[in-house]
Amino acid sequence: METETETVTDTEPVEPAETYYIVLPGDCLWNIAKQVYGTGTMWDAIYRANLEQIEDPNWIRIGQKLVMP
């Protein structure tokens, strides 16, 4: 007697994990972008991804947890 088996898989999409950077003393968005992406010109992408917590891109706080896009 043959039995038929059915495999059930979860079809919900998996959310990509966000990457964060914790601001250290002396950091600025340009230096963070250079360290993370290899070029400081990506600072604006970090700024735009964190508009909720960065009022002025020239003033970031030590200990801030920034989302890296």
C-alpha atoms as a PDB file:
ATOM      1  CA  MET A   1       0.000   0.000   0.000  1.00  0.00           C
ATOM      2  CA  GLU A   2       1.450   3.336  -1.028  1.00  0.00           C
ATOM      3  CA  THR A   3       1.037   6.403   1.128  1.00  0.00           C
ATOM      4  CA  GLU A   4       1.226   9.925  -0.100  1.00  0.00           C
ATOM      5  CA  THR A   5       2.971  12.521   2.026  1.00  0.00           C
ATOM      6  CA  GLU A   6       2.519  16.235   1.699  1.00  0.00           C
ATOM      7  CA  THR A   7       5.086  18.779   2.748  1.00  0.00           C
ATOM      8  CA  VAL A   8       3.749  22.005   4.202  1.00  0.00           C
ATOM      9  CA  THR A   9       6.001  25.020   4.107  1.00  0.00           C
ATOM     10  CA  ASP A  10       5.650  28.425   5.657  1.00  0.00           C
ATOM     11  CA  THR A  11       4.870  30.856   2.849  1.00  0.00           C
ATOM     12  CA  GLU A  12       5.157  34.072   4.853  1.00  0.00           C
ATOM     13  CA  PRO A  13       7.937  36.340   3.571  1.00  0.00           C
ATOM     14  CA  VAL A  14      10.902  36.714   5.874  1.00  0.00           C
ATOM     15  CA  GLU A  15      11.798  40.268   6.812  1.00  0.00           C
ATOM     16  CA  PRO A  16      15.474  41.082   6.280  1.00  0.00           C
ATOM     17  CA  ALA A  17      17.367  41.742   9.488  1.00  0.00           C
ATOM     18  CA  GLU A  18      18.267  45.384  10.001  1.00  0.00           C
ATOM     19  CA  THR A  19      21.866  46.337  10.587  1.00  0.00           C
ATOM     20  CA  TYR A  20      22.661  48.959  13.206  1.00  0.00           C
ATOM     21  CA  TYR A  21      25.619  51.135  14.114  1.00  0.00           C
ATOM     22  CA  ILE A  22      26.124  52.575  17.596  1.00  0.00           C
ATOM     23  CA  VAL A  23      27.579  56.089  17.484  1.00  0.00           C
ATOM     24  CA  LEU A  24      30.978  56.385  19.196  1.00  0.00           C
ATOM     25  CA  PRO A  25      32.824  59.486  20.437  1.00  0.00           C
ATOM     26  CA  GLY A  26      34.214  61.439  17.478  1.00  0.00           C
ATOM     27  CA  ASP A  27      31.838  59.861  14.932  1.00  0.00           C
ATOM     28  CA  CYS A  28      30.084  61.832  12.211  1.00  0.00           C
ATOM     29  CA  LEU A  29      27.837  60.538   9.438  1.00  0.00           C
ATOM     30  CA  TRP A  30      30.621  60.928   6.849  1.00  0.00           C
ATOM     31  CA  ASN A  31      33.065  58.793   8.876  1.00  0.00           C
ATOM     32  CA  ILE A  32      30.423  56.177   9.662  1.00  0.00           C
ATOM     33  CA  ALA A  33      29.538  55.905   5.959  1.00  0.00           C
ATOM     34  CA  LYS A  34      33.204  55.616   5.034  1.00  0.00           C
ATOM     35  CA  GLN A  35      33.723  52.849   7.593  1.00  0.00           C
ATOM     36  CA  VAL A  36      30.555  50.909   6.714  1.00  0.00           C
ATOM     37  CA  TYR A  37      30.325  51.472   2.932  1.00  0.00           C
ATOM     38  CA  GLY A  38      33.872  52.431   1.970  1.00  0.00           C
ATOM     39  CA  THR A  39      32.874  55.961   0.938  1.00  0.00           C
ATOM     40  CA  GLY A  40      31.818  58.965   2.959  1.00  0.00           C
ATOM     41  CA  THR A  41      29.461  60.117   0.221  1.00  0.00           C
ATOM     42  CA  MET A  42      26.886  57.588   1.484  1.00  0.00           C
ATOM     43  CA  TRP A  43      26.324  59.684   4.637  1.00  0.00           C
ATOM     44  CA  ASP A  44      23.051  61.003   3.199  1.00  0.00           C
ATOM     45  CA  ALA A  45      21.607  57.469   2.935  1.00  0.00           C
ATOM     46  CA  ILE A  46      22.285  56.936   6.643  1.00  0.00           C
ATOM     47  CA  TYR A  47      20.731  60.317   7.432  1.00  0.00           C
ATOM     48  CA  ARG A  48      17.575  59.575   5.382  1.00  0.00           C
ATOM     49  CA  ALA A  49      17.200  56.134   6.995  1.00  0.00           C
ATOM     50  CA  ASN A  50      17.280  57.753  10.440  1.00  0.00           C
ATOM     51  CA  LEU A  51      15.198  60.926   9.987  1.00  0.00           C
ATOM     52  CA  GLU A  52      13.088  59.986  13.014  1.00  0.00           C
ATOM     53  CA  GLN A  53      16.046  60.416  15.344  1.00  0.00           C
ATOM     54  CA  ILE A  54      18.452  62.797  13.577  1.00  0.00           C
ATOM     55  CA  GLU A  55      17.188  66.375  13.469  1.00  0.00           C
ATOM     56  CA  ASP A  56      20.431  67.839  12.149  1.00  0.00           C
ATOM     57  CA  PRO A  57      22.929  65.628  10.259  1.00  0.00           C
ATOM     58  CA  ASN A  58      25.769  67.629  11.823  1.00  0.00           C
ATOM     59  CA  TRP A  59      24.710  66.601  15.334  1.00  0.00           C
ATOM     60  CA  ILE A  60      24.515  62.924  16.211  1.00  0.00           C
ATOM     61  CA  ARG A  61      24.723  61.662  19.784  1.00  0.00           C
ATOM     62  CA  ILE A  62      27.131  59.175  21.314  1.00  0.00           C
ATOM     63  CA  GLY A  63      25.253  55.935  21.923  1.00  0.00           C
ATOM     64  CA  GLN A  64      22.658  56.565  19.204  1.00  0.00           C
ATOM     65  CA  LYS A  65      21.593  53.368  17.432  1.00  0.00           C
ATOM     66  CA  LEU A  66      21.482  54.163  13.722  1.00  0.00           C
ATOM     67  CA  VAL A  67      19.884  51.945  11.086  1.00  0.00           C
ATOM     68  CA  MET A  68      22.293  51.165   8.254  1.00  0.00           C
ATOM     69  CA  PRO A  69      20.324  51.041   4.974  1.00  0.00           C
END
